[in-house]
Amino acid sequence: MAEEGQVISVHTLESWKEQLQRAKDSNKLVVVDFAASWCAPCRFIAPILAEIAKLKPEVIFLKVDVDELRSVVKEWFIESIPTFLFLKDEKLVDKVVGAKKEAQKVTIEKHSSAIDC
């Protein structure tokens, strides 16, 4: 299991379900990065997300390769990449489509701050 402050790559459906349950049990926000190794914008935003993850250990960051977990991609209606889903209690609370650094930061701050209230 990855430590807090890291982006966790999810490669199996079992691991996906485990991570969502872990987040639900700990009442944490989950940021899911739907990406692919061949996607240039995905590669651009990945190190930025990794830096944000280091600063926000109270948030769980997951990376899903769209070519590996097609069932998860279909379940969440991912139509383009990168797409970032923000989940709370296994429910969608927000979404950012594209490699938008500022939108990422603002959305993470908005929803992680709500946890502290």
C-alpha atoms as a PDB file:
ATOM      1  CA  MET A   1       0.000   0.000   0.000  1.00  0.00           C
ATOM      2  CA  ALA A   2       1.285   3.438  -0.888  1.00  0.00           C
ATOM      3  CA  GLU A   3       1.916   6.008   1.782  1.00  0.00           C
ATOM      4  CA  GLU A   4      -0.037   9.200   2.247  1.00  0.00           C
ATOM      5  CA  GLY A   5       1.092  11.995  -0.004  1.00  0.00           C
ATOM      6  CA  GLN A   6       1.540   9.813  -3.068  1.00  0.00           C
ATOM      7  CA  VAL A   7      -0.433   9.168  -6.223  1.00  0.00           C
ATOM      8  CA  ILE A   8      -1.475   5.517  -6.130  1.00  0.00           C
ATOM      9  CA  SER A   9      -1.621   3.708  -9.462  1.00  0.00           C
ATOM     10  CA  VAL A  10      -4.595   1.377  -9.586  1.00  0.00           C
ATOM     11  CA  HIS A  11      -4.112  -1.593 -11.920  1.00  0.00           C
ATOM     12  CA  THR A  12      -6.915  -3.987 -10.957  1.00  0.00           C
ATOM     13  CA  LEU A  13     -10.616  -3.789 -10.256  1.00  0.00           C
ATOM     14  CA  GLU A  14      -9.969  -5.295  -6.821  1.00  0.00           C
ATOM     15  CA  SER A  15      -7.440  -2.574  -6.004  1.00  0.00           C
ATOM     16  CA  TRP A  16      -9.892   0.092  -7.240  1.00  0.00           C
ATOM     17  CA  LYS A  17     -12.607  -1.183  -4.916  1.00  0.00           C
ATOM     18  CA  GLU A  18     -10.151  -1.433  -1.996  1.00  0.00           C
ATOM     19  CA  GLN A  19      -9.015   2.171  -2.456  1.00  0.00           C
ATOM     20  CA  LEU A  20     -12.582   3.487  -2.626  1.00  0.00           C
ATOM     21  CA  GLN A  21     -13.491   1.549   0.521  1.00  0.00           C
ATOM     22  CA  ARG A  22     -10.382   2.845   2.294  1.00  0.00           C
ATOM     23  CA  ALA A  23     -11.360   6.401   1.410  1.00  0.00           C
ATOM     24  CA  LYS A  24     -14.945   5.854   2.540  1.00  0.00           C
ATOM     25  CA  ASP A  25     -13.808   4.337   5.847  1.00  0.00           C
ATOM     26  CA  SER A  26     -11.468   7.263   6.526  1.00  0.00           C
ATOM     27  CA  ASN A  27     -13.912   9.913   5.235  1.00  0.00           C
ATOM     28  CA  LYS A  28     -11.314  11.226   2.768  1.00  0.00           C
ATOM     29  CA  LEU A  29     -11.686  13.002  -0.536  1.00  0.00           C
ATOM     30  CA  VAL A  30     -10.481  10.929  -3.498  1.00  0.00           C
ATOM     31  CA  VAL A  31      -8.994  12.536  -6.602  1.00  0.00           C
ATOM     32  CA  VAL A  32      -8.921  10.090  -9.507  1.00  0.00           C
ATOM     33  CA  ASP A  33      -6.693  10.842 -12.489  1.00  0.00           C
ATOM     34  CA  PHE A  34      -7.947   8.986 -15.566  1.00  0.00           C
ATOM     35  CA  ALA A  35      -4.979   8.974 -17.928  1.00  0.00           C
ATOM     36  CA  ALA A  36      -2.921   6.967 -20.417  1.00  0.00           C
ATOM     37  CA  SER A  37       0.808   6.572 -20.972  1.00  0.00           C
ATOM     38  CA  TRP A  38       0.486   7.768 -24.598  1.00  0.00           C
ATOM     39  CA  CYS A  39      -1.376  10.981 -23.646  1.00  0.00           C
ATOM     40  CA  ALA A  40       0.877  14.087 -23.700  1.00  0.00           C
ATOM     41  CA  PRO A  41      -1.418  16.275 -21.512  1.00  0.00           C
ATOM     42  CA  CYS A  42      -1.618  13.376 -19.019  1.00  0.00           C
ATOM     43  CA  ARG A  43       2.181  13.232 -18.828  1.00  0.00           C
ATOM     44  CA  PHE A  44       2.295  17.020 -18.395  1.00  0.00           C
ATOM     45  CA  ILE A  45      -0.081  17.089 -15.415  1.00  0.00           C
ATOM     46  CA  ALA A  46       1.219  13.942 -13.652  1.00  0.00           C
ATOM     47  CA  PRO A  47       4.189  15.571 -11.851  1.00  0.00           C
ATOM     48  CA  ILE A  48       1.995  18.513 -10.840  1.00  0.00           C
ATOM     49  CA  LEU A  49      -0.536  16.139  -9.313  1.00  0.00           C
ATOM     50  CA  ALA A  50       2.296  14.317  -7.522  1.00  0.00           C
ATOM     51  CA  GLU A  51       3.430  17.630  -5.985  1.00  0.00           C
ATOM     52  CA  ILE A  52      -0.111  18.457  -4.870  1.00  0.00           C
ATOM     53  CA  ALA A  53      -0.414  14.960  -3.344  1.00  0.00           C
ATOM     54  CA  LYS A  54       2.667  15.633  -1.196  1.00  0.00           C
ATOM     55  CA  LEU A  55       1.043  18.812   0.131  1.00  0.00           C
ATOM     56  CA  LYS A  56      -2.386  17.230   0.756  1.00  0.00           C
ATOM     57  CA  PRO A  57      -1.897  13.964   2.708  1.00  0.00           C
ATOM     58  CA  GLU A  58      -5.535  14.199   3.846  1.00  0.00           C
ATOM     59  CA  VAL A  59      -6.604  13.466   0.243  1.00  0.00           C
ATOM     60  CA  ILE A  60      -6.268  10.110  -1.539  1.00  0.00           C
ATOM     61  CA  PHE A  61      -4.896  10.463  -5.074  1.00  0.00           C
ATOM     62  CA  LEU A  62      -5.462   7.598  -7.513  1.00  0.00           C
ATOM     63  CA  LYS A  63      -4.328   7.138 -11.106  1.00  0.00           C
ATOM     64  CA  VAL A  64      -6.304   4.887 -13.450  1.00  0.00           C
ATOM     65  CA  ASP A  65      -4.899   3.948 -16.856  1.00  0.00           C
ATOM     66  CA  VAL A  66      -7.870   4.042 -19.226  1.00  0.00           C
ATOM     67  CA  ASP A  67      -6.388   1.177 -21.254  1.00  0.00           C
ATOM     68  CA  GLU A  68      -6.095  -1.073 -18.164  1.00  0.00           C
ATOM     69  CA  LEU A  69      -9.393  -0.568 -16.344  1.00  0.00           C
ATOM     70  CA  ARG A  70     -11.971  -0.125 -19.088  1.00  0.00           C
ATOM     71  CA  SER A  71     -14.823  -1.192 -16.803  1.00  0.00           C
ATOM     72  CA  VAL A  72     -14.050   1.666 -14.391  1.00  0.00           C
ATOM     73  CA  VAL A  73     -13.782   4.081 -17.333  1.00  0.00           C
ATOM     74  CA  LYS A  74     -17.240   3.007 -18.531  1.00  0.00           C
ATOM     75  CA  GLU A  75     -18.728   3.066 -15.031  1.00  0.00           C
ATOM     76  CA  TRP A  76     -17.697   6.719 -14.554  1.00  0.00           C
ATOM     77  CA  PHE A  77     -18.459   7.808 -18.159  1.00  0.00           C
ATOM     78  CA  ILE A  78     -14.921   9.000 -18.925  1.00  0.00           C
ATOM     79  CA  GLU A  79     -14.940  10.390 -22.464  1.00  0.00           C
ATOM     80  CA  SER A  80     -11.609  12.222 -22.692  1.00  0.00           C
ATOM     81  CA  ILE A  81      -8.302  12.277 -20.865  1.00  0.00           C
ATOM     82  CA  PRO A  82      -7.013  13.502 -18.630  1.00  0.00           C
ATOM     83  CA  THR A  83     -10.183  13.591 -16.586  1.00  0.00           C
ATOM     84  CA  PHE A  84     -10.085  14.093 -12.842  1.00  0.00           C
ATOM     85  CA  LEU A  85     -12.964  12.934 -10.690  1.00  0.00           C
ATOM     86  CA  PHE A  86     -13.406  14.128  -7.133  1.00  0.00           C
ATOM     87  CA  LEU A  87     -15.199  11.519  -5.051  1.00  0.00           C
ATOM     88  CA  LYS A  88     -16.539  11.673  -1.532  1.00  0.00           C
ATOM     89  CA  ASP A  89     -18.207   8.636  -0.027  1.00  0.00           C
ATOM     90  CA  GLU A  90     -17.912   6.952  -3.456  1.00  0.00           C
ATOM     91  CA  LYS A  91     -20.045   9.727  -4.984  1.00  0.00           C
ATOM     92  CA  LEU A  92     -18.971  12.262  -7.579  1.00  0.00           C
ATOM     93  CA  VAL A  93     -18.653  15.758  -6.066  1.00  0.00           C
ATOM     94  CA  ASP A  94     -16.711  17.446  -8.875  1.00  0.00           C
ATOM     95  CA  LYS A  95     -14.908  16.892 -12.166  1.00  0.00           C
ATOM     96  CA  VAL A  96     -12.092  18.595 -14.102  1.00  0.00           C
ATOM     97  CA  VAL A  97     -11.478  17.658 -17.735  1.00  0.00           C
ATOM     98  CA  GLY A  98      -8.072  18.498 -19.201  1.00  0.00           C
ATOM     99  CA  ALA A  99      -4.601  19.259 -17.850  1.00  0.00           C
ATOM    100  CA  LYS A 100      -5.712  22.385 -15.987  1.00  0.00           C
ATOM    101  CA  LYS A 101      -3.267  22.982 -13.150  1.00  0.00           C
ATOM    102  CA  GLU A 102      -5.129  25.878 -11.497  1.00  0.00           C
ATOM    103  CA  ALA A 103      -8.535  24.204 -11.788  1.00  0.00           C
ATOM    104  CA  GLN A 104      -7.027  21.133 -10.130  1.00  0.00           C
ATOM    105  CA  LYS A 105      -5.627  23.118  -7.209  1.00  0.00           C
ATOM    106  CA  VAL A 106      -8.815  25.133  -6.678  1.00  0.00           C
ATOM    107  CA  THR A 107     -11.071  22.064  -6.833  1.00  0.00           C
ATOM    108  CA  ILE A 108      -8.876  20.022  -4.481  1.00  0.00           C
ATOM    109  CA  GLU A 109      -8.718  22.921  -2.030  1.00  0.00           C
ATOM    110  CA  LYS A 110     -12.483  23.452  -2.221  1.00  0.00           C
ATOM    111  CA  HIS A 111     -13.338  19.857  -1.424  1.00  0.00           C
ATOM    112  CA  SER A 112     -10.516  19.016   0.985  1.00  0.00           C
ATOM    113  CA  SER A 113     -11.293  22.138   3.015  1.00  0.00           C
ATOM    114  CA  ALA A 114     -14.914  21.063   3.293  1.00  0.00           C
ATOM    115  CA  ILE A 115     -13.713  17.940   5.098  1.00  0.00           C
ATOM    116  CA  ASP A 116     -12.114  19.962   7.868  1.00  0.00           C
ATOM    117  CA  CYS A 117     -15.300  21.876   8.712  1.00  0.00           C
END
